[in-house]
Amino acid sequence: MTRSGKRLAAISVDLDPVRCYYEIHGLPAPPPPLGDLVIRRAAPRFEKLFAQRGIVATFFVVGADLSSAACRDAVSELARAGHEIGNHSQQHLYDLQRRDDATLHDEVATAHARISELTGRSPVGFRAPGYGLGPRLLAVLESHGYRYDSSVFPSGPYYAAKLAVMSARALGGEPSGAFVGDPRGLLAPADPYRPRSGAPWRRGQSSVVELPVAVTPSLRLPAIGTLLVTAPQAIRARVLESMRKREFFNLELHGIDLCDAEADGLPTDLVARQPDLRRPLKDKVRTLAATLERLSAEYDFVPLAEVALRFQREGHV
C-alpha cells in the first residue's frame, strides 16, 4: 500500500514500430512512410489520455526509431511532460537473448546513448523485445548500472496461445519473426524480485530489480493492455478484479493499442492479421479510459523507476 492507502501501479507503453508487427506476421517490410507511425501518432494520444488523469507513465523506446525527427520530437515531448523514457533496445531483435555478447552490449548501449542524448537523462530501466530476458542479457544490464528490468512475463496461457499461432502459421507455410524464450521464465515470480544473475527466472541478489509484466494470480492470465482494450467487458472486469489480490499492478500497453487502421493509413494486409486494429480508435480510447478510471480509484500510478527504487530501499513494494 502507498501513503494514500491505495495499491501501487505502474503503466508502461512499448512503442514498438510497425515493422515489428510485420515481422511477427511474416509480412514483407512495411512501406517507408509507416516507419515512425506508432510513435508519431500513438504517443500523443497516450500523453493526452494520461494527462487528463494525472498519470506519469513509462515509455519504452526503440533506439533506431530516434533517427526520425518526428519520433525525436514525440519522445522529447513525453520526457518534458514528466514521463519516464526506458530502453527497449536499439533494433528490437526478437531473438536478442540468443545473440552474441557483442550484439547484446551494442543493443543496450546504443539505445542508451541515443535516449540519454535526446532527453538529457540516462534511462535506468530496460524491457527486452518479446519479453526475452536471459542470463547474459541480465549481465549486460548489470554492467551498465540499470536499476530495473521489466521483461519477465510469466504467463503460461499467453505463451501457449503464441505457440499455437506460430505452429498454425508454420503449417500453412507462413513464416514468423516471433520468438519464444526459455520456458523456465514461465515459473518466475509474478511480483517484483531480485533475480539470480545466472538464472533470472529465480530469486537472487542481482543489482537489477525485476518488475514482471502483470499476470493474474493462480491462472497467470496476461493482464496487459491488449487484453484489456479488446476483451469483452465481462472478461476485462474479471481480470481487473483478480488483480486486486496483488499489491503491485505492472500494466503494460503497446503503442499500437491506440492506432487506428483507417485514420492512420495502415495497410489491409497488416489489419487482417492484427485483430486489435479492426477496432475503431474511439472505441479503444473509451475502453482504456474507463479502465484507467476504475484503476485510479484503487491505485496510485508511478513510473517503473520509482517502483524499483522503492523496492531497493524497502526490500518490498
C-alpha atoms as a PDB file:
ATOM      1  CA  MET A   1       0.000   0.000   0.000  1.00  0.00           C
ATOM      2  CA  THR A   2       1.078   3.618  -0.594  1.00  0.00           C
ATOM      3  CA  ARG A   3       0.752   6.520   1.852  1.00  0.00           C
ATOM      4  CA  SER A   4      -2.660   7.278   0.392  1.00  0.00           C
ATOM      5  CA  GLY A   5      -3.817   3.795   1.358  1.00  0.00           C
ATOM      6  CA  LYS A   6      -4.093   2.768  -2.275  1.00  0.00           C
ATOM      7  CA  ARG A   7      -2.317  -0.046  -4.064  1.00  0.00           C
ATOM      8  CA  LEU A   8       0.654   0.708  -6.280  1.00  0.00           C
ATOM      9  CA  ALA A   9       0.516   0.542 -10.081  1.00  0.00           C
ATOM     10  CA  ALA A  10       2.731   1.463 -12.992  1.00  0.00           C
ATOM     11  CA  ILE A  11       1.713   1.877 -16.611  1.00  0.00           C
ATOM     12  CA  SER A  12       4.258   1.298 -19.344  1.00  0.00           C
ATOM     13  CA  VAL A  13       3.864   1.648 -23.093  1.00  0.00           C
ATOM     14  CA  ASP A  14       6.076  -0.287 -25.510  1.00  0.00           C
ATOM     15  CA  LEU A  15       6.439   1.927 -28.578  1.00  0.00           C
ATOM     16  CA  ASP A  16       7.226  -0.944 -30.945  1.00  0.00           C
ATOM     17  CA  PRO A  17       7.423   0.255 -34.559  1.00  0.00           C
ATOM     18  CA  VAL A  18       5.073  -1.093 -37.236  1.00  0.00           C
ATOM     19  CA  ARG A  19       7.862  -3.197 -38.751  1.00  0.00           C
ATOM     20  CA  CYS A  20       7.842  -5.368 -35.618  1.00  0.00           C
ATOM     21  CA  TYR A  21       4.279  -6.433 -36.350  1.00  0.00           C
ATOM     22  CA  TYR A  22       5.174  -7.124 -39.964  1.00  0.00           C
ATOM     23  CA  GLU A  23       7.980  -9.400 -38.703  1.00  0.00           C
ATOM     24  CA  ILE A  24       5.670 -11.219 -36.302  1.00  0.00           C
ATOM     25  CA  HIS A  25       3.179 -11.925 -39.075  1.00  0.00           C
ATOM     26  CA  GLY A  26       5.817 -12.874 -41.634  1.00  0.00           C
ATOM     27  CA  LEU A  27       4.993  -9.964 -43.924  1.00  0.00           C
ATOM     28  CA  PRO A  28       7.478  -8.133 -46.175  1.00  0.00           C
ATOM     29  CA  ALA A  29       8.954  -4.910 -44.851  1.00  0.00           C
ATOM     30  CA  PRO A  30       6.348  -2.147 -44.489  1.00  0.00           C
ATOM     31  CA  PRO A  31       6.424   0.893 -46.776  1.00  0.00           C
ATOM     32  CA  PRO A  32       8.780   3.672 -45.533  1.00  0.00           C
ATOM     33  CA  PRO A  33       6.016   6.140 -44.539  1.00  0.00           C
ATOM     34  CA  LEU A  34       4.948   3.704 -41.805  1.00  0.00           C
ATOM     35  CA  GLY A  35       8.400   3.685 -40.192  1.00  0.00           C
ATOM     36  CA  ASP A  36       7.634   6.223 -37.469  1.00  0.00           C
ATOM     37  CA  LEU A  37       3.851   5.877 -37.381  1.00  0.00           C
ATOM     38  CA  VAL A  38       3.432   4.328 -33.917  1.00  0.00           C
ATOM     39  CA  ILE A  39       5.417   6.973 -32.051  1.00  0.00           C
ATOM     40  CA  ARG A  40       4.218   9.815 -34.251  1.00  0.00           C
ATOM     41  CA  ARG A  41       0.505   9.034 -33.953  1.00  0.00           C
ATOM     42  CA  ALA A  42       0.057   6.937 -30.785  1.00  0.00           C
ATOM     43  CA  ALA A  43       2.421   8.687 -28.361  1.00  0.00           C
ATOM     44  CA  PRO A  44       0.443  11.977 -28.336  1.00  0.00           C
ATOM     45  CA  ARG A  45      -2.792  10.038 -27.801  1.00  0.00           C
ATOM     46  CA  PHE A  46      -1.367   8.263 -24.763  1.00  0.00           C
ATOM     47  CA  GLU A  47       0.075  11.514 -23.436  1.00  0.00           C
ATOM     48  CA  LYS A  48      -3.340  13.197 -23.648  1.00  0.00           C
ATOM     49  CA  LEU A  49      -5.089  10.242 -22.021  1.00  0.00           C
ATOM     50  CA  PHE A  50      -2.592  10.151 -19.144  1.00  0.00           C
ATOM     51  CA  ALA A  51      -2.508  13.941 -18.679  1.00  0.00           C
ATOM     52  CA  GLN A  52      -6.270  14.005 -18.194  1.00  0.00           C
ATOM     53  CA  ARG A  53      -5.837  11.669 -15.221  1.00  0.00           C
ATOM     54  CA  GLY A  54      -2.558  12.921 -13.811  1.00  0.00           C
ATOM     55  CA  ILE A  55      -0.767   9.664 -14.654  1.00  0.00           C
ATOM     56  CA  VAL A  56       3.006   9.611 -15.062  1.00  0.00           C
ATOM     57  CA  ALA A  57       3.921   6.565 -17.143  1.00  0.00           C
ATOM     58  CA  THR A  58       6.972   4.798 -18.560  1.00  0.00           C
ATOM     59  CA  PHE A  59       7.515   4.654 -22.327  1.00  0.00           C
ATOM     60  CA  PHE A  60       9.948   2.061 -23.703  1.00  0.00           C
ATOM     61  CA  VAL A  61      11.582   3.358 -26.882  1.00  0.00           C
ATOM     62  CA  VAL A  62      13.499   1.530 -29.637  1.00  0.00           C
ATOM     63  CA  GLY A  63      16.724   3.439 -30.236  1.00  0.00           C
ATOM     64  CA  ALA A  64      16.695   3.099 -34.024  1.00  0.00           C
ATOM     65  CA  ASP A  65      13.369   4.954 -34.172  1.00  0.00           C
ATOM     66  CA  LEU A  66      15.077   8.080 -32.872  1.00  0.00           C
ATOM     67  CA  SER A  67      16.614   8.546 -36.315  1.00  0.00           C
ATOM     68  CA  SER A  68      13.270  10.087 -37.274  1.00  0.00           C
ATOM     69  CA  ALA A  69      12.800  13.767 -36.465  1.00  0.00           C
ATOM     70  CA  ALA A  70       9.106  13.155 -35.790  1.00  0.00           C
ATOM     71  CA  CYS A  71       9.953  10.396 -33.307  1.00  0.00           C
ATOM     72  CA  ARG A  72      12.546  12.538 -31.557  1.00  0.00           C
ATOM     73  CA  ASP A  73      10.012  15.337 -31.186  1.00  0.00           C
ATOM     74  CA  ALA A  74       7.344  12.983 -29.825  1.00  0.00           C
ATOM     75  CA  VAL A  75       9.696  11.331 -27.314  1.00  0.00           C
ATOM     76  CA  SER A  76      11.079  14.706 -26.240  1.00  0.00           C
ATOM     77  CA  GLU A  77       7.523  15.848 -25.557  1.00  0.00           C
ATOM     78  CA  LEU A  78       6.873  12.743 -23.439  1.00  0.00           C
ATOM     79  CA  ALA A  79      10.004  13.453 -21.416  1.00  0.00           C
ATOM     80  CA  ARG A  80       9.083  17.121 -20.969  1.00  0.00           C
ATOM     81  CA  ALA A  81       5.680  16.022 -19.686  1.00  0.00           C
ATOM     82  CA  GLY A  82       7.489  14.091 -16.931  1.00  0.00           C
ATOM     83  CA  HIS A  83       7.155  10.565 -18.272  1.00  0.00           C
ATOM     84  CA  GLU A  84      10.000   8.094 -17.854  1.00  0.00           C
ATOM     85  CA  ILE A  85      11.751   7.002 -21.053  1.00  0.00           C
ATOM     86  CA  GLY A  86      13.037   3.431 -20.889  1.00  0.00           C
ATOM     87  CA  ASN A  87      15.369   1.427 -23.120  1.00  0.00           C
ATOM     88  CA  HIS A  88      13.687  -1.088 -25.456  1.00  0.00           C
ATOM     89  CA  SER A  89      16.964  -1.984 -27.251  1.00  0.00           C
ATOM     90  CA  GLN A  90      18.408  -0.469 -30.405  1.00  0.00           C
ATOM     91  CA  GLN A  91      16.788  -2.599 -33.129  1.00  0.00           C
ATOM     92  CA  HIS A  92      14.141  -4.652 -31.301  1.00  0.00           C
ATOM     93  CA  LEU A  93      15.565  -8.033 -32.267  1.00  0.00           C
ATOM     94  CA  TYR A  94      13.065 -10.653 -31.124  1.00  0.00           C
ATOM     95  CA  ASP A  95      15.805 -13.223 -30.545  1.00  0.00           C
ATOM     96  CA  LEU A  96      18.059 -10.745 -28.746  1.00  0.00           C
ATOM     97  CA  GLN A  97      18.716 -13.014 -25.776  1.00  0.00           C
ATOM     98  CA  ARG A  98      20.275 -15.592 -28.148  1.00  0.00           C
ATOM     99  CA  ARG A  99      22.633 -13.135 -29.864  1.00  0.00           C
ATOM    100  CA  ASP A 100      26.363 -12.964 -29.133  1.00  0.00           C
ATOM    101  CA  ASP A 101      27.712 -10.848 -26.289  1.00  0.00           C
ATOM    102  CA  ALA A 102      28.891  -8.046 -28.580  1.00  0.00           C
ATOM    103  CA  THR A 103      25.382  -7.653 -30.011  1.00  0.00           C
ATOM    104  CA  LEU A 104      23.818  -7.667 -26.558  1.00  0.00           C
ATOM    105  CA  HIS A 105      26.123  -4.871 -25.393  1.00  0.00           C
ATOM    106  CA  ASP A 106      25.581  -2.859 -28.573  1.00  0.00           C
ATOM    107  CA  GLU A 107      21.787  -3.182 -28.439  1.00  0.00           C
ATOM    108  CA  VAL A 108      21.694  -1.872 -24.879  1.00  0.00           C
ATOM    109  CA  ALA A 109      24.465   0.717 -25.117  1.00  0.00           C
ATOM    110  CA  THR A 110      23.486   2.314 -28.438  1.00  0.00           C
ATOM    111  CA  ALA A 111      19.855   2.836 -27.455  1.00  0.00           C
ATOM    112  CA  HIS A 112      21.007   4.036 -24.039  1.00  0.00           C
ATOM    113  CA  ALA A 113      23.216   6.692 -25.623  1.00  0.00           C
ATOM    114  CA  ARG A 114      20.509   7.886 -28.028  1.00  0.00           C
ATOM    115  CA  ILE A 115      17.885   8.206 -25.314  1.00  0.00           C
ATOM    116  CA  SER A 116      20.326   9.964 -22.981  1.00  0.00           C
ATOM    117  CA  GLU A 117      21.342  12.463 -25.659  1.00  0.00           C
ATOM    118  CA  LEU A 118      17.738  13.233 -26.586  1.00  0.00           C
ATOM    119  CA  THR A 119      16.212  13.565 -23.133  1.00  0.00           C
ATOM    120  CA  GLY A 120      19.221  14.669 -21.089  1.00  0.00           C
ATOM    121  CA  ARG A 121      18.599  11.775 -18.698  1.00  0.00           C
ATOM    122  CA  SER A 122      20.073   8.290 -18.807  1.00  0.00           C
ATOM    123  CA  PRO A 123      17.486   5.502 -18.840  1.00  0.00           C
ATOM    124  CA  VAL A 124      17.506   3.276 -15.760  1.00  0.00           C
ATOM    125  CA  GLY A 125      15.019   0.663 -16.978  1.00  0.00           C
ATOM    126  CA  PHE A 126      15.018  -1.888 -19.767  1.00  0.00           C
ATOM    127  CA  ARG A 127      12.433  -4.090 -21.457  1.00  0.00           C
ATOM    128  CA  ALA A 128      13.638  -6.789 -23.816  1.00  0.00           C
ATOM    129  CA  PRO A 129      11.962  -7.397 -27.185  1.00  0.00           C
ATOM    130  CA  GLY A 130       9.426 -10.196 -26.909  1.00  0.00           C
ATOM    131  CA  TYR A 131       9.886 -10.340 -23.112  1.00  0.00           C
ATOM    132  CA  GLY A 132      13.119 -12.288 -23.591  1.00  0.00           C
ATOM    133  CA  LEU A 133      15.489 -11.880 -20.636  1.00  0.00           C
ATOM    134  CA  GLY A 134      18.365 -14.371 -20.439  1.00  0.00           C
ATOM    135  CA  PRO A 135      21.377 -14.611 -18.079  1.00  0.00           C
ATOM    136  CA  ARG A 136      23.780 -12.883 -20.491  1.00  0.00           C
ATOM    137  CA  LEU A 137      21.394 -10.010 -21.165  1.00  0.00           C
ATOM    138  CA  LEU A 138      20.863  -9.540 -17.436  1.00  0.00           C
ATOM    139  CA  ALA A 139      24.650  -9.384 -17.030  1.00  0.00           C
ATOM    140  CA  VAL A 140      24.790  -6.595 -19.623  1.00  0.00           C
ATOM    141  CA  LEU A 141      22.155  -4.619 -17.725  1.00  0.00           C
ATOM    142  CA  GLU A 142      24.116  -5.115 -14.508  1.00  0.00           C
ATOM    143  CA  SER A 143      27.308  -3.891 -16.161  1.00  0.00           C
ATOM    144  CA  HIS A 144      25.533  -0.757 -17.420  1.00  0.00           C
ATOM    145  CA  GLY A 145      24.181   0.029 -13.968  1.00  0.00           C
ATOM    146  CA  TYR A 146      20.496  -0.357 -14.763  1.00  0.00           C
ATOM    147  CA  ARG A 147      18.125  -0.030 -11.828  1.00  0.00           C
ATOM    148  CA  TYR A 148      15.495  -2.427 -13.148  1.00  0.00           C
ATOM    149  CA  ASP A 149      14.364  -4.721 -15.924  1.00  0.00           C
ATOM    150  CA  SER A 150      10.718  -5.322 -16.813  1.00  0.00           C
ATOM    151  CA  SER A 151      10.869  -8.163 -19.321  1.00  0.00           C
ATOM    152  CA  VAL A 152       9.769 -11.266 -17.437  1.00  0.00           C
ATOM    153  CA  PHE A 153       6.214 -12.211 -18.396  1.00  0.00           C
ATOM    154  CA  PRO A 154       5.354 -15.435 -16.521  1.00  0.00           C
ATOM    155  CA  SER A 155       2.094 -16.249 -18.284  1.00  0.00           C
ATOM    156  CA  GLY A 156       1.693 -19.836 -19.462  1.00  0.00           C
ATOM    157  CA  PRO A 157      -1.624 -19.135 -21.228  1.00  0.00           C
ATOM    158  CA  TYR A 158      -0.077 -16.270 -23.206  1.00  0.00           C
ATOM    159  CA  TYR A 159       2.815 -18.375 -24.473  1.00  0.00           C
ATOM    160  CA  ALA A 160       0.562 -21.370 -25.182  1.00  0.00           C
ATOM    161  CA  ALA A 161      -1.583 -19.156 -27.409  1.00  0.00           C
ATOM    162  CA  LYS A 162       1.514 -17.693 -29.036  1.00  0.00           C
ATOM    163  CA  LEU A 163       2.931 -21.133 -29.812  1.00  0.00           C
ATOM    164  CA  ALA A 164      -0.403 -22.271 -31.229  1.00  0.00           C
ATOM    165  CA  VAL A 165      -0.498 -19.322 -33.621  1.00  0.00           C
ATOM    166  CA  MET A 166       3.144 -19.782 -34.630  1.00  0.00           C
ATOM    167  CA  SER A 167       2.584 -23.502 -35.238  1.00  0.00           C
ATOM    168  CA  ALA A 168      -0.545 -22.915 -37.316  1.00  0.00           C
ATOM    169  CA  ARG A 169       1.259 -20.399 -39.473  1.00  0.00           C
ATOM    170  CA  ALA A 170       4.241 -22.675 -39.889  1.00  0.00           C
ATOM    171  CA  LEU A 171       1.963 -25.492 -41.054  1.00  0.00           C
ATOM    172  CA  GLY A 172       0.444 -23.078 -43.542  1.00  0.00           C
ATOM    173  CA  GLY A 173       3.857 -22.117 -44.865  1.00  0.00           C
ATOM    174  CA  GLU A 174       3.722 -18.642 -43.338  1.00  0.00           C
ATOM    175  CA  PRO A 175       6.992 -17.560 -41.664  1.00  0.00           C
ATOM    176  CA  SER A 176       7.022 -15.586 -38.439  1.00  0.00           C
ATOM    177  CA  GLY A 177       9.637 -13.450 -36.767  1.00  0.00           C
ATOM    178  CA  ALA A 178       8.133 -14.152 -33.343  1.00  0.00           C
ATOM    179  CA  PHE A 179      10.337 -15.877 -30.808  1.00  0.00           C
ATOM    180  CA  VAL A 180       9.673 -17.902 -27.665  1.00  0.00           C
ATOM    181  CA  GLY A 181      12.315 -17.701 -24.956  1.00  0.00           C
ATOM    182  CA  ASP A 182      13.389 -20.029 -22.165  1.00  0.00           C
ATOM    183  CA  PRO A 183      10.291 -21.817 -20.794  1.00  0.00           C
ATOM    184  CA  ARG A 184      11.730 -21.600 -17.280  1.00  0.00           C
ATOM    185  CA  GLY A 185      10.714 -17.950 -17.371  1.00  0.00           C
ATOM    186  CA  LEU A 186       7.096 -19.085 -17.028  1.00  0.00           C
ATOM    187  CA  LEU A 187       7.899 -20.202 -13.467  1.00  0.00           C
ATOM    188  CA  ALA A 188       9.404 -16.855 -12.466  1.00  0.00           C
ATOM    189  CA  PRO A 189       7.903 -14.905  -9.548  1.00  0.00           C
ATOM    190  CA  ALA A 190       4.989 -12.724 -10.590  1.00  0.00           C
ATOM    191  CA  ASP A 191       5.817  -9.970  -8.096  1.00  0.00           C
ATOM    192  CA  PRO A 192       8.959  -7.756  -8.017  1.00  0.00           C
ATOM    193  CA  TYR A 193      12.122  -9.599  -7.074  1.00  0.00           C
ATOM    194  CA  ARG A 194      15.882  -9.564  -7.371  1.00  0.00           C
ATOM    195  CA  PRO A 195      16.813 -12.156  -9.997  1.00  0.00           C
ATOM    196  CA  ARG A 196      19.644 -14.640  -9.785  1.00  0.00           C
ATOM    197  CA  SER A 197      22.396 -13.497 -12.135  1.00  0.00           C
ATOM    198  CA  GLY A 198      22.787 -16.869 -13.846  1.00  0.00           C
ATOM    199  CA  ALA A 199      19.083 -17.709 -13.789  1.00  0.00           C
ATOM    200  CA  PRO A 200      16.912 -14.563 -13.997  1.00  0.00           C
ATOM    201  CA  TRP A 201      13.708 -16.538 -13.570  1.00  0.00           C
ATOM    202  CA  ARG A 202      14.724 -17.284  -9.957  1.00  0.00           C
ATOM    203  CA  ARG A 203      15.199 -15.088  -6.912  1.00  0.00           C
ATOM    204  CA  GLY A 204      18.740 -13.992  -6.210  1.00  0.00           C
ATOM    205  CA  GLN A 205      20.855 -10.953  -5.405  1.00  0.00           C
ATOM    206  CA  SER A 206      21.239  -9.093  -8.707  1.00  0.00           C
ATOM    207  CA  SER A 207      21.728  -5.337  -8.552  1.00  0.00           C
ATOM    208  CA  VAL A 208      18.913  -5.118 -11.117  1.00  0.00           C
ATOM    209  CA  VAL A 209      15.346  -5.365  -9.802  1.00  0.00           C
ATOM    210  CA  GLU A 210      12.950  -7.397 -11.941  1.00  0.00           C
ATOM    211  CA  LEU A 211       9.444  -5.951 -12.335  1.00  0.00           C
ATOM    212  CA  PRO A 212       7.430  -8.676 -14.110  1.00  0.00           C
ATOM    213  CA  VAL A 213       4.651  -7.771 -16.519  1.00  0.00           C
ATOM    214  CA  ALA A 214       1.273  -8.272 -14.829  1.00  0.00           C
ATOM    215  CA  VAL A 215      -0.394 -11.677 -14.707  1.00  0.00           C
ATOM    216  CA  THR A 216      -3.394 -12.702 -12.651  1.00  0.00           C
ATOM    217  CA  PRO A 217      -2.989 -14.859  -9.535  1.00  0.00           C
ATOM    218  CA  SER A 218      -3.462 -18.611  -9.887  1.00  0.00           C
ATOM    219  CA  LEU A 219      -4.092 -18.911 -13.645  1.00  0.00           C
ATOM    220  CA  ARG A 220      -1.484 -16.290 -14.562  1.00  0.00           C
ATOM    221  CA  LEU A 221      -3.586 -14.860 -17.355  1.00  0.00           C
ATOM    222  CA  PRO A 222      -1.980 -11.873 -19.103  1.00  0.00           C
ATOM    223  CA  ALA A 223      -3.248  -8.647 -17.528  1.00  0.00           C
ATOM    224  CA  ILE A 224      -1.937  -6.430 -20.308  1.00  0.00           C
ATOM    225  CA  GLY A 225      -3.372  -3.657 -22.430  1.00  0.00           C
ATOM    226  CA  THR A 226      -4.015  -5.786 -25.495  1.00  0.00           C
ATOM    227  CA  LEU A 227      -6.448  -7.906 -23.495  1.00  0.00           C
ATOM    228  CA  LEU A 228      -7.945  -5.036 -21.507  1.00  0.00           C
ATOM    229  CA  VAL A 229      -8.569  -2.944 -24.613  1.00  0.00           C
ATOM    230  CA  THR A 230     -10.027  -5.678 -26.824  1.00  0.00           C
ATOM    231  CA  ALA A 231     -11.694  -8.209 -24.491  1.00  0.00           C
ATOM    232  CA  PRO A 232     -15.420  -8.145 -23.699  1.00  0.00           C
ATOM    233  CA  GLN A 233     -16.342  -6.088 -20.662  1.00  0.00           C
ATOM    234  CA  ALA A 234     -17.103  -9.153 -18.526  1.00  0.00           C
ATOM    235  CA  ILE A 235     -13.631 -10.622 -19.060  1.00  0.00           C
ATOM    236  CA  ARG A 236     -11.973  -7.259 -18.522  1.00  0.00           C
ATOM    237  CA  ALA A 237     -13.818  -6.794 -15.237  1.00  0.00           C
ATOM    238  CA  ARG A 238     -12.851 -10.273 -14.036  1.00  0.00           C
ATOM    239  CA  VAL A 239      -9.167  -9.706 -14.822  1.00  0.00           C
ATOM    240  CA  LEU A 240      -9.139  -6.356 -13.025  1.00  0.00           C
ATOM    241  CA  GLU A 241     -10.914  -7.845 -10.024  1.00  0.00           C
ATOM    242  CA  SER A 242      -8.399 -10.687  -9.769  1.00  0.00           C
ATOM    243  CA  MET A 243      -5.504  -8.216  -9.868  1.00  0.00           C
ATOM    244  CA  ARG A 244      -6.761  -6.717  -6.602  1.00  0.00           C
ATOM    245  CA  LYS A 245      -5.097  -9.672  -4.897  1.00  0.00           C
ATOM    246  CA  ARG A 246      -1.692  -8.321  -5.898  1.00  0.00           C
ATOM    247  CA  GLU A 247      -0.077  -5.362  -4.182  1.00  0.00           C
ATOM    248  CA  PHE A 248       1.526  -4.135  -7.394  1.00  0.00           C
ATOM    249  CA  PHE A 249      -0.040  -3.925 -10.854  1.00  0.00           C
ATOM    250  CA  ASN A 250       2.509  -3.571 -13.678  1.00  0.00           C
ATOM    251  CA  LEU A 251       0.168  -2.753 -16.562  1.00  0.00           C
ATOM    252  CA  GLU A 252       1.853  -2.985 -19.953  1.00  0.00           C
ATOM    253  CA  LEU A 253       0.394  -1.349 -23.062  1.00  0.00           C
ATOM    254  CA  HIS A 254       1.639  -1.061 -26.637  1.00  0.00           C
ATOM    255  CA  GLY A 255       1.674   1.951 -28.894  1.00  0.00           C
ATOM    256  CA  ILE A 256      -0.354   0.096 -31.492  1.00  0.00           C
ATOM    257  CA  ASP A 257      -3.160  -0.206 -28.903  1.00  0.00           C
ATOM    258  CA  LEU A 258      -4.054   3.392 -29.802  1.00  0.00           C
ATOM    259  CA  CYS A 259      -3.514   3.199 -33.540  1.00  0.00           C
ATOM    260  CA  ASP A 260      -6.413   3.398 -35.971  1.00  0.00           C
ATOM    261  CA  ALA A 261      -6.326   1.364 -39.170  1.00  0.00           C
ATOM    262  CA  GLU A 262      -8.261   3.875 -41.241  1.00  0.00           C
ATOM    263  CA  ALA A 263      -7.168   7.205 -39.770  1.00  0.00           C
ATOM    264  CA  ASP A 264      -3.518   6.161 -39.616  1.00  0.00           C
ATOM    265  CA  GLY A 265      -3.476   4.551 -43.054  1.00  0.00           C
ATOM    266  CA  LEU A 266      -2.406   1.070 -42.013  1.00  0.00           C
ATOM    267  CA  PRO A 267      -2.319  -1.466 -44.888  1.00  0.00           C
ATOM    268  CA  THR A 268      -5.028  -4.096 -45.113  1.00  0.00           C
ATOM    269  CA  ASP A 269      -2.522  -6.991 -45.037  1.00  0.00           C
ATOM    270  CA  LEU A 270      -1.496  -5.987 -41.500  1.00  0.00           C
ATOM    271  CA  VAL A 271      -5.025  -5.179 -40.346  1.00  0.00           C
ATOM    272  CA  ALA A 272      -6.164  -8.642 -41.461  1.00  0.00           C
ATOM    273  CA  ARG A 273      -3.630 -10.258 -39.121  1.00  0.00           C
ATOM    274  CA  GLN A 274      -3.776  -7.816 -36.188  1.00  0.00           C
ATOM    275  CA  PRO A 275      -7.257  -8.104 -34.604  1.00  0.00           C
ATOM    276  CA  ASP A 276      -6.944  -5.019 -32.385  1.00  0.00           C
ATOM    277  CA  LEU A 277      -6.540  -2.865 -35.493  1.00  0.00           C
ATOM    278  CA  ARG A 278     -10.039  -3.834 -36.567  1.00  0.00           C
ATOM    279  CA  ARG A 279     -11.500  -1.889 -33.645  1.00  0.00           C
ATOM    280  CA  PRO A 280     -12.071   1.850 -34.176  1.00  0.00           C
ATOM    281  CA  LEU A 281      -9.758   4.143 -32.253  1.00  0.00           C
ATOM    282  CA  LYS A 282     -12.631   5.874 -30.462  1.00  0.00           C
ATOM    283  CA  ASP A 283     -13.776   2.531 -29.027  1.00  0.00           C
ATOM    284  CA  LYS A 284     -10.278   1.656 -27.819  1.00  0.00           C
ATOM    285  CA  VAL A 285      -9.781   5.083 -26.247  1.00  0.00           C
ATOM    286  CA  ARG A 286     -13.127   4.830 -24.496  1.00  0.00           C
ATOM    287  CA  THR A 287     -12.361   1.353 -23.166  1.00  0.00           C
ATOM    288  CA  LEU A 288      -8.872   2.269 -21.966  1.00  0.00           C
ATOM    289  CA  ALA A 289     -10.145   5.477 -20.383  1.00  0.00           C
ATOM    290  CA  ALA A 290     -12.809   3.544 -18.474  1.00  0.00           C
ATOM    291  CA  THR A 291     -10.190   1.043 -17.312  1.00  0.00           C
ATOM    292  CA  LEU A 292      -7.921   3.829 -16.057  1.00  0.00           C
ATOM    293  CA  GLU A 293     -10.821   5.482 -14.272  1.00  0.00           C
ATOM    294  CA  ARG A 294     -11.581   2.274 -12.437  1.00  0.00           C
ATOM    295  CA  LEU A 295      -7.955   1.677 -11.527  1.00  0.00           C
ATOM    296  CA  SER A 296      -7.432   5.282 -10.373  1.00  0.00           C
ATOM    297  CA  ALA A 297      -9.932   4.724  -7.588  1.00  0.00           C
ATOM    298  CA  GLU A 298      -7.747   1.980  -6.099  1.00  0.00           C
ATOM    299  CA  TYR A 299      -4.203   2.593  -7.302  1.00  0.00           C
ATOM    300  CA  ASP A 300      -1.550   5.289  -7.230  1.00  0.00           C
ATOM    301  CA  PHE A 301       0.327   5.363 -10.546  1.00  0.00           C
ATOM    302  CA  VAL A 302       4.092   5.921 -10.551  1.00  0.00           C
ATOM    303  CA  PRO A 303       6.805   5.267 -13.178  1.00  0.00           C
ATOM    304  CA  LEU A 304       8.549   1.911 -13.076  1.00  0.00           C
ATOM    305  CA  ALA A 305      11.792   3.590 -11.992  1.00  0.00           C
ATOM    306  CA  GLU A 306      10.105   4.708  -8.788  1.00  0.00           C
ATOM    307  CA  VAL A 307       8.723   1.232  -8.117  1.00  0.00           C
ATOM    308  CA  ALA A 308      12.210  -0.220  -8.460  1.00  0.00           C
ATOM    309  CA  LEU A 309      13.654   2.468  -6.186  1.00  0.00           C
ATOM    310  CA  ARG A 310      11.079   1.698  -3.516  1.00  0.00           C
ATOM    311  CA  PHE A 311      11.891  -1.986  -3.783  1.00  0.00           C
ATOM    312  CA  GLN A 312      15.624  -1.305  -3.455  1.00  0.00           C
ATOM    313  CA  ARG A 313      15.122   0.905  -0.420  1.00  0.00           C
ATOM    314  CA  GLU A 314      12.476  -1.092   1.404  1.00  0.00           C
ATOM    315  CA  GLY A 315      13.025  -4.620   0.110  1.00  0.00           C
ATOM    316  CA  HIS A 316       9.379  -4.798  -0.935  1.00  0.00           C
ATOM    317  CA  VAL A 317       6.824  -2.792  -2.903  1.00  0.00           C
END
